Amino acid sequence: MTPVTCTIEPDELLGLSALVELDRTAAGGGTCAGTSTGTCTCTCTCTCTCTCTCTCTCTCTCTCTDAVRTAKTLMRTALADKLEQAGLPWAPSAKAASERAALAAEPASVMRRITGNGKARKAAAWLAAAALAVTLWGGYTRDWQWTGFRANNQLWAWLTLLLFPVVLGTIPLWIQAKEYIGKGRRVIYAAAIAAWTGLVIAGYLIPLNWTGFRGQTLWAWLNLLVLPTAVAITMAVASMRARRPQARLRPYHKAVIAALAAGWIVTVIGGYALQWQWTGYAGNTVWGWLGILLPLVFPTLLLPPLLKWVSGNAAGRASAAYQTAMARTAIAAAGTSP
């Protein structure tokens, strides 16, 4: 067996001490007094079957047992996540690890080699961009009929074409990595939204004919936005429930939803009772409204209880099993701490 020694740096110790204090506060035990200075040294003895026994020694003003227990819990949790990503169970046998390594070492297919090559992807992106530029040039300046661009020469047509794939590609990134999007980029996004709003207003008031906005009613905008909005809401709700199963809507979320609902009710009354032509509601029946509202209502309000009933609350049982496993990890770490 080979001993493995790792040293926790002072900044890492500060974070560990903070977690210990938070755990104590949550448990009603108060906070740890004093400063958090010193180092922790962990010595691990591992065998070839991936069985490790770790002993940690900390010099810190807080209780050493609490710090060691927290460190071991974090280590076991991170290790369990990495093993799950690798397709391995907890405490995998040497045979399972060898089989997984052999599978990963198999020669990749041609498509896998291309998609996994950064240079190949960049070259393909540049080639696609060049082909698109040539096609746009030929469609709009040389009147290449086969492109169909001349018949779709307004911004509205391009919105209809591109809005959904752009939302589908950007919303998951925004949801998964929103904590790492800096303040500067958020300001840029806000400025872009403000500029877009100004362009839409100018398209109606000036009007800017190349935008194609003049003549588009509220009904047309609803039909344009409903599918991307439904996808964005579904992804956001699913991500929120996966990360925080007990999470609830915040007050400002409820305020925004209430304001949008109130505004929509006002436009319905105005469109049907007061004959507001700009809404484009006149002549649209309940069937037409179902086509707009169902994609928004079904994934957020109707789908969760339906899936819970159909699956026998599989998601709830999976969450309970995960919490149980984490509790066992914490108990095991506490039992092995000095």
C-alpha atoms as a PDB file:
ATOM      1  CA  MET A   1       0.000   0.000   0.000  1.00  0.00           C
ATOM      2  CA  THR A   2       1.291   3.443  -0.973  1.00  0.00           C
ATOM      3  CA  PRO A   3       0.622   6.405   1.357  1.00  0.00           C
ATOM      4  CA  VAL A   4      -0.650   9.575  -0.367  1.00  0.00           C
ATOM      5  CA  THR A   5      -0.199  12.908   1.408  1.00  0.00           C
ATOM      6  CA  CYS A   6      -1.919  16.131   0.364  1.00  0.00           C
ATOM      7  CA  THR A   7      -1.691  19.520   2.039  1.00  0.00           C
ATOM      8  CA  ILE A   8      -4.636  21.905   2.260  1.00  0.00           C
ATOM      9  CA  GLU A   9      -3.569  25.469   1.492  1.00  0.00           C
ATOM     10  CA  PRO A  10      -4.569  28.370   3.775  1.00  0.00           C
ATOM     11  CA  ASP A  11      -7.210  29.700   1.362  1.00  0.00           C
ATOM     12  CA  GLU A  12      -8.704  26.225   1.085  1.00  0.00           C
ATOM     13  CA  LEU A  13      -8.702  25.962   4.865  1.00  0.00           C
ATOM     14  CA  LEU A  14     -10.609  29.237   5.084  1.00  0.00           C
ATOM     15  CA  GLY A  15     -13.314  27.814   2.846  1.00  0.00           C
ATOM     16  CA  LEU A  16     -13.406  24.588   4.851  1.00  0.00           C
ATOM     17  CA  SER A  17     -13.701  26.499   8.124  1.00  0.00           C
ATOM     18  CA  ALA A  18     -16.525  28.586   6.666  1.00  0.00           C
ATOM     19  CA  LEU A  19     -18.430  25.436   5.761  1.00  0.00           C
ATOM     20  CA  VAL A  20     -17.902  24.068   9.277  1.00  0.00           C
ATOM     21  CA  GLU A  21     -19.324  27.240  10.788  1.00  0.00           C
ATOM     22  CA  LEU A  22     -22.309  27.176   8.412  1.00  0.00           C
ATOM     23  CA  ASP A  23     -22.987  23.556   9.349  1.00  0.00           C
ATOM     24  CA  ARG A  24     -22.796  24.413  13.040  1.00  0.00           C
ATOM     25  CA  THR A  25     -25.148  27.358  12.611  1.00  0.00           C
ATOM     26  CA  ALA A  26     -27.634  25.253  10.620  1.00  0.00           C
ATOM     27  CA  ALA A  27     -27.511  22.603  13.365  1.00  0.00           C
ATOM     28  CA  GLY A  28     -28.159  25.236  16.040  1.00  0.00           C
ATOM     29  CA  GLY A  29     -24.740  24.860  17.634  1.00  0.00           C
ATOM     30  CA  GLY A  30     -23.520  28.407  17.157  1.00  0.00           C
ATOM     31  CA  THR A  31     -20.390  29.496  15.366  1.00  0.00           C
ATOM     32  CA  CYS A  32     -16.731  28.707  15.946  1.00  0.00           C
ATOM     33  CA  ALA A  33     -14.920  31.563  17.595  1.00  0.00           C
ATOM     34  CA  GLY A  34     -11.419  32.662  16.684  1.00  0.00           C
ATOM     35  CA  THR A  35      -9.482  32.910  13.467  1.00  0.00           C
ATOM     36  CA  SER A  36      -9.178  30.242  10.795  1.00  0.00           C
ATOM     37  CA  THR A  37      -5.440  29.864  10.256  1.00  0.00           C
ATOM     38  CA  GLY A  38      -3.196  26.864   9.774  1.00  0.00           C
ATOM     39  CA  THR A  39      -2.944  23.866   7.495  1.00  0.00           C
ATOM     40  CA  CYS A  40      -4.445  20.420   7.156  1.00  0.00           C
ATOM     41  CA  THR A  41      -2.410  17.393   6.094  1.00  0.00           C
ATOM     42  CA  CYS A  42      -4.205  14.258   4.901  1.00  0.00           C
ATOM     43  CA  THR A  43      -2.398  10.924   4.580  1.00  0.00           C
ATOM     44  CA  CYS A  44      -4.174   8.294   2.509  1.00  0.00           C
ATOM     45  CA  THR A  45      -3.169   4.653   2.213  1.00  0.00           C
ATOM     46  CA  CYS A  46      -4.491   3.054  -0.978  1.00  0.00           C
ATOM     47  CA  THR A  47      -4.472  -0.475  -2.338  1.00  0.00           C
ATOM     48  CA  CYS A  48      -4.642  -1.637  -5.942  1.00  0.00           C
ATOM     49  CA  THR A  49      -8.349  -2.335  -5.492  1.00  0.00           C
ATOM     50  CA  CYS A  50      -8.988   1.400  -5.022  1.00  0.00           C
ATOM     51  CA  THR A  51      -9.632   1.049  -1.272  1.00  0.00           C
ATOM     52  CA  CYS A  52      -8.239   4.032   0.621  1.00  0.00           C
ATOM     53  CA  THR A  53      -7.922   4.859   4.294  1.00  0.00           C
ATOM     54  CA  CYS A  54      -7.297   8.530   5.010  1.00  0.00           C
ATOM     55  CA  THR A  55      -6.098  10.230   8.176  1.00  0.00           C
ATOM     56  CA  CYS A  56      -6.182  14.029   8.331  1.00  0.00           C
ATOM     57  CA  THR A  57      -4.433  16.280  10.847  1.00  0.00           C
ATOM     58  CA  CYS A  58      -5.434  19.936  11.032  1.00  0.00           C
ATOM     59  CA  THR A  59      -4.018  22.901  12.930  1.00  0.00           C
ATOM     60  CA  CYS A  60      -6.919  25.296  13.252  1.00  0.00           C
ATOM     61  CA  THR A  61      -8.736  27.178  15.963  1.00  0.00           C
ATOM     62  CA  CYS A  62     -11.955  25.332  15.054  1.00  0.00           C
ATOM     63  CA  THR A  63     -12.605  21.761  16.177  1.00  0.00           C
ATOM     64  CA  CYS A  64     -10.433  19.395  14.160  1.00  0.00           C
ATOM     65  CA  THR A  65     -13.101  16.694  14.095  1.00  0.00           C
ATOM     66  CA  ASP A  66     -15.605  18.986  12.376  1.00  0.00           C
ATOM     67  CA  ALA A  67     -13.080  20.093   9.766  1.00  0.00           C
ATOM     68  CA  VAL A  68     -11.991  16.535   9.017  1.00  0.00           C
ATOM     69  CA  ARG A  69     -15.580  15.325   8.762  1.00  0.00           C
ATOM     70  CA  THR A  70     -16.490  18.146   6.383  1.00  0.00           C
ATOM     71  CA  ALA A  71     -13.370  17.565   4.266  1.00  0.00           C
ATOM     72  CA  LYS A  72     -14.072  13.833   3.987  1.00  0.00           C
ATOM     73  CA  THR A  73     -17.717  14.437   3.096  1.00  0.00           C
ATOM     74  CA  LEU A  74     -16.719  16.847   0.339  1.00  0.00           C
ATOM     75  CA  MET A  75     -14.074  14.442  -0.953  1.00  0.00           C
ATOM     76  CA  ARG A  76     -16.460  11.472  -1.012  1.00  0.00           C
ATOM     77  CA  THR A  77     -19.210  13.526  -2.671  1.00  0.00           C
ATOM     78  CA  ALA A  78     -16.864  14.811  -5.381  1.00  0.00           C
ATOM     79  CA  LEU A  79     -15.457  11.316  -5.902  1.00  0.00           C
ATOM     80  CA  ALA A  80     -18.956   9.855  -6.216  1.00  0.00           C
ATOM     81  CA  ASP A  81     -19.864  12.483  -8.837  1.00  0.00           C
ATOM     82  CA  LYS A  82     -16.694  11.795 -10.841  1.00  0.00           C
ATOM     83  CA  LEU A  83     -17.285   8.039 -10.719  1.00  0.00           C
ATOM     84  CA  GLU A  84     -20.855   8.547 -11.897  1.00  0.00           C
ATOM     85  CA  GLN A  85     -19.622  10.694 -14.802  1.00  0.00           C
ATOM     86  CA  ALA A  86     -17.180   7.921 -15.704  1.00  0.00           C
ATOM     87  CA  GLY A  87     -19.955   5.316 -15.602  1.00  0.00           C
ATOM     88  CA  LEU A  88     -18.553   3.548 -12.538  1.00  0.00           C
ATOM     89  CA  PRO A  89     -20.247   2.674  -9.238  1.00  0.00           C
ATOM     90  CA  TRP A  90     -19.009   3.717  -5.833  1.00  0.00           C
ATOM     91  CA  ALA A  91     -15.879   1.789  -4.772  1.00  0.00           C
ATOM     92  CA  PRO A  92     -15.486   0.076  -8.157  1.00  0.00           C
ATOM     93  CA  SER A  93     -13.610  -3.172  -8.384  1.00  0.00           C
ATOM     94  CA  ALA A  94     -10.337  -3.431 -10.283  1.00  0.00           C
ATOM     95  CA  LYS A  95     -12.134  -5.452 -12.955  1.00  0.00           C
ATOM     96  CA  ALA A  96     -14.795  -2.772 -13.473  1.00  0.00           C
ATOM     97  CA  ALA A  97     -12.142  -0.053 -13.717  1.00  0.00           C
ATOM     98  CA  SER A  98     -10.129  -2.103 -16.238  1.00  0.00           C
ATOM     99  CA  GLU A  99     -13.186  -2.773 -18.395  1.00  0.00           C
ATOM    100  CA  ARG A 100     -14.102   0.893 -18.395  1.00  0.00           C
ATOM    101  CA  ALA A 101     -10.537   1.906 -19.274  1.00  0.00           C
ATOM    102  CA  ALA A 102     -10.472  -0.628 -22.116  1.00  0.00           C
ATOM    103  CA  LEU A 103     -13.745   0.774 -23.451  1.00  0.00           C
ATOM    104  CA  ALA A 104     -12.373   4.318 -23.356  1.00  0.00           C
ATOM    105  CA  ALA A 105      -9.195   3.177 -25.132  1.00  0.00           C
ATOM    106  CA  GLU A 106     -11.068   1.745 -28.123  1.00  0.00           C
ATOM    107  CA  PRO A 107     -10.333   3.530 -31.414  1.00  0.00           C
ATOM    108  CA  ALA A 108     -12.762   6.360 -32.034  1.00  0.00           C
ATOM    109  CA  SER A 109     -14.956   6.412 -35.122  1.00  0.00           C
ATOM    110  CA  VAL A 110     -14.266   8.843 -37.939  1.00  0.00           C
ATOM    111  CA  MET A 111     -17.121  11.122 -36.903  1.00  0.00           C
ATOM    112  CA  ARG A 112     -16.015  11.052 -33.266  1.00  0.00           C
ATOM    113  CA  ARG A 113     -12.468  11.989 -34.260  1.00  0.00           C
ATOM    114  CA  ILE A 114     -13.763  14.899 -36.338  1.00  0.00           C
ATOM    115  CA  THR A 115     -16.151  16.235 -33.687  1.00  0.00           C
ATOM    116  CA  GLY A 116     -13.522  15.814 -30.984  1.00  0.00           C
ATOM    117  CA  ASN A 117     -10.882  17.721 -32.938  1.00  0.00           C
ATOM    118  CA  GLY A 118     -10.920  21.434 -32.134  1.00  0.00           C
ATOM    119  CA  LYS A 119      -9.126  22.412 -35.337  1.00  0.00           C
ATOM    120  CA  ALA A 120     -11.523  20.369 -37.451  1.00  0.00           C
ATOM    121  CA  ARG A 121     -14.537  21.993 -35.780  1.00  0.00           C
ATOM    122  CA  LYS A 122     -13.074  25.456 -36.286  1.00  0.00           C
ATOM    123  CA  ALA A 123     -12.315  24.736 -39.944  1.00  0.00           C
ATOM    124  CA  ALA A 124     -15.854  23.408 -40.465  1.00  0.00           C
ATOM    125  CA  ALA A 125     -17.295  26.540 -38.824  1.00  0.00           C
ATOM    126  CA  TRP A 126     -15.261  28.846 -41.081  1.00  0.00           C
ATOM    127  CA  LEU A 127     -16.250  26.815 -44.141  1.00  0.00           C
ATOM    128  CA  ALA A 128     -19.935  27.012 -43.210  1.00  0.00           C
ATOM    129  CA  ALA A 129     -19.656  30.774 -42.591  1.00  0.00           C
ATOM    130  CA  ALA A 130     -18.002  31.290 -45.988  1.00  0.00           C
ATOM    131  CA  ALA A 131     -20.669  29.217 -47.738  1.00  0.00           C
ATOM    132  CA  LEU A 132     -23.413  31.221 -46.006  1.00  0.00           C
ATOM    133  CA  ALA A 133     -21.774  34.523 -46.978  1.00  0.00           C
ATOM    134  CA  VAL A 134     -21.556  33.476 -50.628  1.00  0.00           C
ATOM    135  CA  THR A 135     -25.167  32.280 -50.590  1.00  0.00           C
ATOM    136  CA  LEU A 136     -26.366  35.566 -49.057  1.00  0.00           C
ATOM    137  CA  TRP A 137     -24.392  37.566 -51.593  1.00  0.00           C
ATOM    138  CA  GLY A 138     -25.755  35.570 -54.493  1.00  0.00           C
ATOM    139  CA  GLY A 139     -29.314  35.545 -53.188  1.00  0.00           C
ATOM    140  CA  TYR A 140     -29.605  39.264 -52.539  1.00  0.00           C
ATOM    141  CA  THR A 141     -27.239  40.872 -55.072  1.00  0.00           C
ATOM    142  CA  ARG A 142     -27.179  38.362 -57.927  1.00  0.00           C
ATOM    143  CA  ASP A 143     -30.800  37.289 -57.563  1.00  0.00           C
ATOM    144  CA  TRP A 144     -30.134  33.555 -57.356  1.00  0.00           C
ATOM    145  CA  GLN A 145     -33.690  32.300 -57.388  1.00  0.00           C
ATOM    146  CA  TRP A 146     -32.870  28.933 -55.849  1.00  0.00           C
ATOM    147  CA  THR A 147     -31.854  30.591 -52.565  1.00  0.00           C
ATOM    148  CA  GLY A 148     -35.293  32.122 -51.948  1.00  0.00           C
ATOM    149  CA  PHE A 149     -33.656  35.043 -50.164  1.00  0.00           C
ATOM    150  CA  ARG A 150     -35.219  37.745 -52.330  1.00  0.00           C
ATOM    151  CA  ALA A 151     -38.680  36.607 -51.249  1.00  0.00           C
ATOM    152  CA  ASN A 152     -37.566  36.776 -47.600  1.00  0.00           C
ATOM    153  CA  ASN A 153     -35.711  40.071 -47.541  1.00  0.00           C
ATOM    154  CA  GLN A 154     -37.001  41.423 -44.242  1.00  0.00           C
ATOM    155  CA  LEU A 155     -35.800  41.029 -40.656  1.00  0.00           C
ATOM    156  CA  TRP A 156     -39.141  39.468 -39.686  1.00  0.00           C
ATOM    157  CA  ALA A 157     -38.510  36.508 -41.993  1.00  0.00           C
ATOM    158  CA  TRP A 158     -35.071  35.948 -40.481  1.00  0.00           C
ATOM    159  CA  LEU A 159     -36.555  36.142 -36.980  1.00  0.00           C
ATOM    160  CA  THR A 160     -39.030  33.434 -37.883  1.00  0.00           C
ATOM    161  CA  LEU A 161     -36.165  31.289 -39.159  1.00  0.00           C
ATOM    162  CA  LEU A 162     -33.505  31.840 -36.496  1.00  0.00           C
ATOM    163  CA  LEU A 163     -35.193  32.722 -33.188  1.00  0.00           C
ATOM    164  CA  PHE A 164     -36.002  29.173 -32.106  1.00  0.00           C
ATOM    165  CA  PRO A 165     -32.578  27.587 -32.856  1.00  0.00           C
ATOM    166  CA  VAL A 166     -30.786  30.536 -31.223  1.00  0.00           C
ATOM    167  CA  VAL A 167     -32.878  30.167 -28.060  1.00  0.00           C
ATOM    168  CA  LEU A 168     -32.396  26.402 -28.119  1.00  0.00           C
ATOM    169  CA  GLY A 169     -28.625  26.826 -28.315  1.00  0.00           C
ATOM    170  CA  THR A 170     -28.130  29.669 -25.834  1.00  0.00           C
ATOM    171  CA  ILE A 171     -30.670  29.071 -23.057  1.00  0.00           C
ATOM    172  CA  PRO A 172     -29.059  25.805 -21.790  1.00  0.00           C
ATOM    173  CA  LEU A 173     -25.672  27.564 -21.596  1.00  0.00           C
ATOM    174  CA  TRP A 174     -27.195  30.513 -19.758  1.00  0.00           C
ATOM    175  CA  ILE A 175     -28.956  28.225 -17.255  1.00  0.00           C
ATOM    176  CA  GLN A 176     -26.019  25.898 -16.594  1.00  0.00           C
ATOM    177  CA  ALA A 177     -23.298  28.551 -16.370  1.00  0.00           C
ATOM    178  CA  LYS A 178     -25.179  31.668 -15.231  1.00  0.00           C
ATOM    179  CA  GLU A 179     -23.093  31.894 -12.040  1.00  0.00           C
ATOM    180  CA  TYR A 180     -19.971  32.317 -14.161  1.00  0.00           C
ATOM    181  CA  ILE A 181     -21.300  35.013 -16.497  1.00  0.00           C
ATOM    182  CA  GLY A 182     -19.596  38.220 -15.449  1.00  0.00           C
ATOM    183  CA  LYS A 183     -21.240  41.533 -14.688  1.00  0.00           C
ATOM    184  CA  GLY A 184     -19.757  43.094 -17.824  1.00  0.00           C
ATOM    185  CA  ARG A 185     -21.403  40.548 -20.082  1.00  0.00           C
ATOM    186  CA  ARG A 186     -24.706  40.968 -18.274  1.00  0.00           C
ATOM    187  CA  VAL A 187     -24.523  44.701 -18.952  1.00  0.00           C
ATOM    188  CA  ILE A 188     -23.839  43.978 -22.630  1.00  0.00           C
ATOM    189  CA  TYR A 189     -26.842  41.657 -22.780  1.00  0.00           C
ATOM    190  CA  ALA A 190     -29.054  44.279 -21.146  1.00  0.00           C
ATOM    191  CA  ALA A 191     -27.845  46.911 -23.625  1.00  0.00           C
ATOM    192  CA  ALA A 192     -28.529  44.538 -26.528  1.00  0.00           C
ATOM    193  CA  ILE A 193     -32.080  43.942 -25.266  1.00  0.00           C
ATOM    194  CA  ALA A 194     -32.633  47.702 -24.923  1.00  0.00           C
ATOM    195  CA  ALA A 195     -31.286  48.296 -28.446  1.00  0.00           C
ATOM    196  CA  TRP A 196     -33.522  45.557 -29.824  1.00  0.00           C
ATOM    197  CA  THR A 197     -36.549  47.104 -28.115  1.00  0.00           C
ATOM    198  CA  GLY A 198     -35.690  50.450 -29.662  1.00  0.00           C
ATOM    199  CA  LEU A 199     -35.374  48.848 -33.099  1.00  0.00           C
ATOM    200  CA  VAL A 200     -38.801  47.247 -32.784  1.00  0.00           C
ATOM    201  CA  ILE A 201     -40.369  50.563 -31.776  1.00  0.00           C
ATOM    202  CA  ALA A 202     -38.607  52.364 -34.638  1.00  0.00           C
ATOM    203  CA  GLY A 203     -39.755  49.651 -37.049  1.00  0.00           C
ATOM    204  CA  TYR A 204     -43.346  50.560 -36.277  1.00  0.00           C
ATOM    205  CA  LEU A 205     -43.131  54.333 -35.833  1.00  0.00           C
ATOM    206  CA  ILE A 206     -40.735  55.492 -38.567  1.00  0.00           C
ATOM    207  CA  PRO A 207     -41.372  52.889 -40.187  1.00  0.00           C
ATOM    208  CA  LEU A 208     -38.324  50.857 -41.216  1.00  0.00           C
ATOM    209  CA  ASN A 209     -39.593  48.755 -44.097  1.00  0.00           C
ATOM    210  CA  TRP A 210     -36.618  46.385 -44.093  1.00  0.00           C
ATOM    211  CA  THR A 211     -37.587  45.171 -40.621  1.00  0.00           C
ATOM    212  CA  GLY A 212     -41.000  43.938 -41.744  1.00  0.00           C
ATOM    213  CA  PHE A 213     -42.442  44.905 -38.364  1.00  0.00           C
ATOM    214  CA  ARG A 214     -45.044  47.311 -39.721  1.00  0.00           C
ATOM    215  CA  GLY A 215     -48.265  45.385 -40.165  1.00  0.00           C
ATOM    216  CA  GLN A 216     -47.328  42.617 -37.725  1.00  0.00           C
ATOM    217  CA  THR A 217     -49.952  42.412 -34.983  1.00  0.00           C
ATOM    218  CA  LEU A 218     -49.632  41.265 -31.392  1.00  0.00           C
ATOM    219  CA  TRP A 219     -51.116  37.937 -32.483  1.00  0.00           C
ATOM    220  CA  ALA A 220     -48.226  37.474 -34.941  1.00  0.00           C
ATOM    221  CA  TRP A 221     -45.673  38.271 -32.218  1.00  0.00           C
ATOM    222  CA  LEU A 222     -47.306  35.754 -29.877  1.00  0.00           C
ATOM    223  CA  ASN A 223     -47.076  33.059 -32.548  1.00  0.00           C
ATOM    224  CA  LEU A 224     -43.425  33.964 -33.159  1.00  0.00           C
ATOM    225  CA  LEU A 225     -42.414  33.915 -29.494  1.00  0.00           C
ATOM    226  CA  VAL A 226     -44.530  31.114 -28.062  1.00  0.00           C
ATOM    227  CA  LEU A 227     -42.324  28.149 -28.986  1.00  0.00           C
ATOM    228  CA  PRO A 228     -38.957  29.697 -27.970  1.00  0.00           C
ATOM    229  CA  THR A 229     -40.543  30.960 -24.739  1.00  0.00           C
ATOM    230  CA  ALA A 230     -42.001  27.528 -23.974  1.00  0.00           C
ATOM    231  CA  VAL A 231     -38.615  25.864 -24.527  1.00  0.00           C
ATOM    232  CA  ALA A 232     -36.831  28.441 -22.353  1.00  0.00           C
ATOM    233  CA  ILE A 233     -39.356  28.088 -19.515  1.00  0.00           C
ATOM    234  CA  THR A 234     -39.260  24.286 -19.668  1.00  0.00           C
ATOM    235  CA  MET A 235     -35.449  24.211 -19.513  1.00  0.00           C
ATOM    236  CA  ALA A 236     -35.336  26.750 -16.697  1.00  0.00           C
ATOM    237  CA  VAL A 237     -37.919  24.885 -14.604  1.00  0.00           C
ATOM    238  CA  ALA A 238     -36.250  21.505 -15.204  1.00  0.00           C
ATOM    239  CA  SER A 239     -32.822  22.900 -14.270  1.00  0.00           C
ATOM    240  CA  MET A 240     -34.171  24.570 -11.138  1.00  0.00           C
ATOM    241  CA  ARG A 241     -35.877  21.382  -9.968  1.00  0.00           C
ATOM    242  CA  ALA A 242     -32.799  19.280 -10.695  1.00  0.00           C
ATOM    243  CA  ARG A 243     -30.491  21.571  -8.698  1.00  0.00           C
ATOM    244  CA  ARG A 244     -32.905  22.543  -5.938  1.00  0.00           C
ATOM    245  CA  PRO A 245     -35.913  20.183  -5.726  1.00  0.00           C
ATOM    246  CA  GLN A 246     -37.496  22.303  -2.987  1.00  0.00           C
ATOM    247  CA  ALA A 247     -36.955  25.604  -4.804  1.00  0.00           C
ATOM    248  CA  ARG A 248     -39.911  27.917  -5.251  1.00  0.00           C
ATOM    249  CA  LEU A 249     -40.584  30.977  -7.351  1.00  0.00           C
ATOM    250  CA  ARG A 250     -39.169  34.143  -5.858  1.00  0.00           C
ATOM    251  CA  PRO A 251     -41.371  37.197  -5.247  1.00  0.00           C
ATOM    252  CA  TYR A 252     -40.051  39.064  -8.275  1.00  0.00           C
ATOM    253  CA  HIS A 253     -40.738  36.009 -10.456  1.00  0.00           C
ATOM    254  CA  LYS A 254     -44.339  36.019  -9.267  1.00  0.00           C
ATOM    255  CA  ALA A 255     -44.570  39.782  -9.824  1.00  0.00           C
ATOM    256  CA  VAL A 256     -43.361  39.464 -13.434  1.00  0.00           C
ATOM    257  CA  ILE A 257     -45.772  36.595 -14.138  1.00  0.00           C
ATOM    258  CA  ALA A 258     -48.661  38.542 -12.602  1.00  0.00           C
ATOM    259  CA  ALA A 259     -47.811  41.656 -14.638  1.00  0.00           C
ATOM    260  CA  LEU A 260     -47.619  39.669 -17.885  1.00  0.00           C
ATOM    261  CA  ALA A 261     -50.915  37.917 -17.139  1.00  0.00           C
ATOM    262  CA  ALA A 262     -52.627  41.227 -16.322  1.00  0.00           C
ATOM    263  CA  GLY A 263     -51.287  42.819 -19.502  1.00  0.00           C
ATOM    264  CA  TRP A 264     -52.466  39.868 -21.572  1.00  0.00           C
ATOM    265  CA  ILE A 265     -55.969  40.068 -20.062  1.00  0.00           C
ATOM    266  CA  VAL A 266     -56.112  43.778 -20.910  1.00  0.00           C
ATOM    267  CA  THR A 267     -55.148  43.081 -24.538  1.00  0.00           C
ATOM    268  CA  VAL A 268     -57.768  40.315 -24.787  1.00  0.00           C
ATOM    269  CA  ILE A 269     -60.489  42.656 -23.542  1.00  0.00           C
ATOM    270  CA  GLY A 270     -59.298  45.420 -25.845  1.00  0.00           C
ATOM    271  CA  GLY A 271     -58.850  43.142 -28.842  1.00  0.00           C
ATOM    272  CA  TYR A 272     -62.281  41.523 -28.705  1.00  0.00           C
ATOM    273  CA  ALA A 273     -64.513  44.039 -26.884  1.00  0.00           C
ATOM    274  CA  LEU A 274     -62.943  47.328 -27.968  1.00  0.00           C
ATOM    275  CA  GLN A 275     -61.773  46.184 -31.408  1.00  0.00           C
ATOM    276  CA  TRP A 276     -58.117  47.129 -30.989  1.00  0.00           C
ATOM    277  CA  GLN A 277     -56.871  46.342 -34.474  1.00  0.00           C
ATOM    278  CA  TRP A 278     -53.191  46.230 -33.508  1.00  0.00           C
ATOM    279  CA  THR A 279     -53.777  43.129 -31.391  1.00  0.00           C
ATOM    280  CA  GLY A 280     -54.953  41.053 -34.358  1.00  0.00           C
ATOM    281  CA  TYR A 281     -57.183  39.049 -31.996  1.00  0.00           C
ATOM    282  CA  ALA A 282     -60.417  39.582 -33.908  1.00  0.00           C
ATOM    283  CA  GLY A 283     -61.464  36.424 -35.720  1.00  0.00           C
ATOM    284  CA  ASN A 284     -59.231  34.097 -33.689  1.00  0.00           C
ATOM    285  CA  THR A 285     -61.139  31.386 -31.838  1.00  0.00           C
ATOM    286  CA  VAL A 286     -60.431  29.311 -28.742  1.00  0.00           C
ATOM    287  CA  TRP A 287     -58.709  26.741 -30.957  1.00  0.00           C
ATOM    288  CA  GLY A 288     -56.193  29.340 -32.057  1.00  0.00           C
ATOM    289  CA  TRP A 289     -55.543  30.366 -28.469  1.00  0.00           C
ATOM    290  CA  LEU A 290     -54.978  26.751 -27.480  1.00  0.00           C
ATOM    291  CA  GLY A 291     -52.170  26.604 -30.037  1.00  0.00           C
ATOM    292  CA  ILE A 292     -50.485  29.527 -28.251  1.00  0.00           C
ATOM    293  CA  LEU A 293     -51.235  28.779 -24.616  1.00  0.00           C
ATOM    294  CA  LEU A 294     -50.768  25.012 -24.461  1.00  0.00           C
ATOM    295  CA  PRO A 295     -46.999  25.101 -25.207  1.00  0.00           C
ATOM    296  CA  LEU A 296     -46.633  27.541 -22.299  1.00  0.00           C
ATOM    297  CA  VAL A 297     -49.044  25.979 -19.802  1.00  0.00           C
ATOM    298  CA  PHE A 298     -48.472  22.275 -20.465  1.00  0.00           C
ATOM    299  CA  PRO A 299     -44.722  21.969 -19.628  1.00  0.00           C
ATOM    300  CA  THR A 300     -44.912  24.235 -16.573  1.00  0.00           C
ATOM    301  CA  LEU A 301     -48.256  23.404 -14.939  1.00  0.00           C
ATOM    302  CA  LEU A 302     -49.619  20.185 -16.432  1.00  0.00           C
ATOM    303  CA  LEU A 303     -46.545  18.120 -17.307  1.00  0.00           C
ATOM    304  CA  PRO A 304     -44.923  17.837 -13.808  1.00  0.00           C
ATOM    305  CA  PRO A 305     -47.967  16.252 -12.087  1.00  0.00           C
ATOM    306  CA  LEU A 306     -48.631  14.115 -15.158  1.00  0.00           C
ATOM    307  CA  LEU A 307     -45.070  12.755 -15.181  1.00  0.00           C
ATOM    308  CA  LYS A 308     -45.228  12.191 -11.428  1.00  0.00           C
ATOM    309  CA  TRP A 309     -48.391  10.125 -11.856  1.00  0.00           C
ATOM    310  CA  VAL A 310     -47.202   8.183 -14.927  1.00  0.00           C
ATOM    311  CA  SER A 311     -43.774   7.334 -13.457  1.00  0.00           C
ATOM    312  CA  GLY A 312     -45.004   6.618  -9.960  1.00  0.00           C
ATOM    313  CA  ASN A 313     -43.007   9.592  -8.626  1.00  0.00           C
ATOM    314  CA  ALA A 314     -39.734   8.146  -9.955  1.00  0.00           C
ATOM    315  CA  ALA A 315     -38.017  11.533  -9.723  1.00  0.00           C
ATOM    316  CA  GLY A 316     -39.004  11.891  -6.065  1.00  0.00           C
ATOM    317  CA  ARG A 317     -37.748   8.412  -5.222  1.00  0.00           C
ATOM    318  CA  ALA A 318     -34.490   9.070  -7.075  1.00  0.00           C
ATOM    319  CA  SER A 319     -34.011  12.311  -5.117  1.00  0.00           C
ATOM    320  CA  ALA A 320     -34.718  10.506  -1.847  1.00  0.00           C
ATOM    321  CA  ALA A 321     -32.200   7.786  -2.749  1.00  0.00           C
ATOM    322  CA  TYR A 322     -29.570  10.420  -3.532  1.00  0.00           C
ATOM    323  CA  GLN A 323     -30.187  12.194  -0.225  1.00  0.00           C
ATOM    324  CA  THR A 324     -29.910   8.872   1.598  1.00  0.00           C
ATOM    325  CA  ALA A 325     -26.593   8.139  -0.109  1.00  0.00           C
ATOM    326  CA  MET A 326     -25.267  11.568   0.847  1.00  0.00           C
ATOM    327  CA  ALA A 327     -26.379  11.024   4.453  1.00  0.00           C
ATOM    328  CA  ARG A 328     -24.580   7.677   4.536  1.00  0.00           C
ATOM    329  CA  THR A 329     -21.475   9.373   3.178  1.00  0.00           C
ATOM    330  CA  ALA A 330     -21.593  11.966   5.940  1.00  0.00           C
ATOM    331  CA  ILE A 331     -22.135   9.265   8.595  1.00  0.00           C
ATOM    332  CA  ALA A 332     -19.249   7.207   7.222  1.00  0.00           C
ATOM    333  CA  ALA A 333     -16.982  10.243   7.233  1.00  0.00           C
ATOM    334  CA  ALA A 334     -17.964  11.073  10.802  1.00  0.00           C
ATOM    335  CA  GLY A 335     -17.341   7.469  11.881  1.00  0.00           C
ATOM    336  CA  THR A 336     -13.816   7.401  10.507  1.00  0.00           C
ATOM    337  CA  SER A 337     -12.767  10.842  11.781  1.00  0.00           C
ATOM    338  CA  PRO A 338     -10.238  10.910  14.643  1.00  0.00           C
END
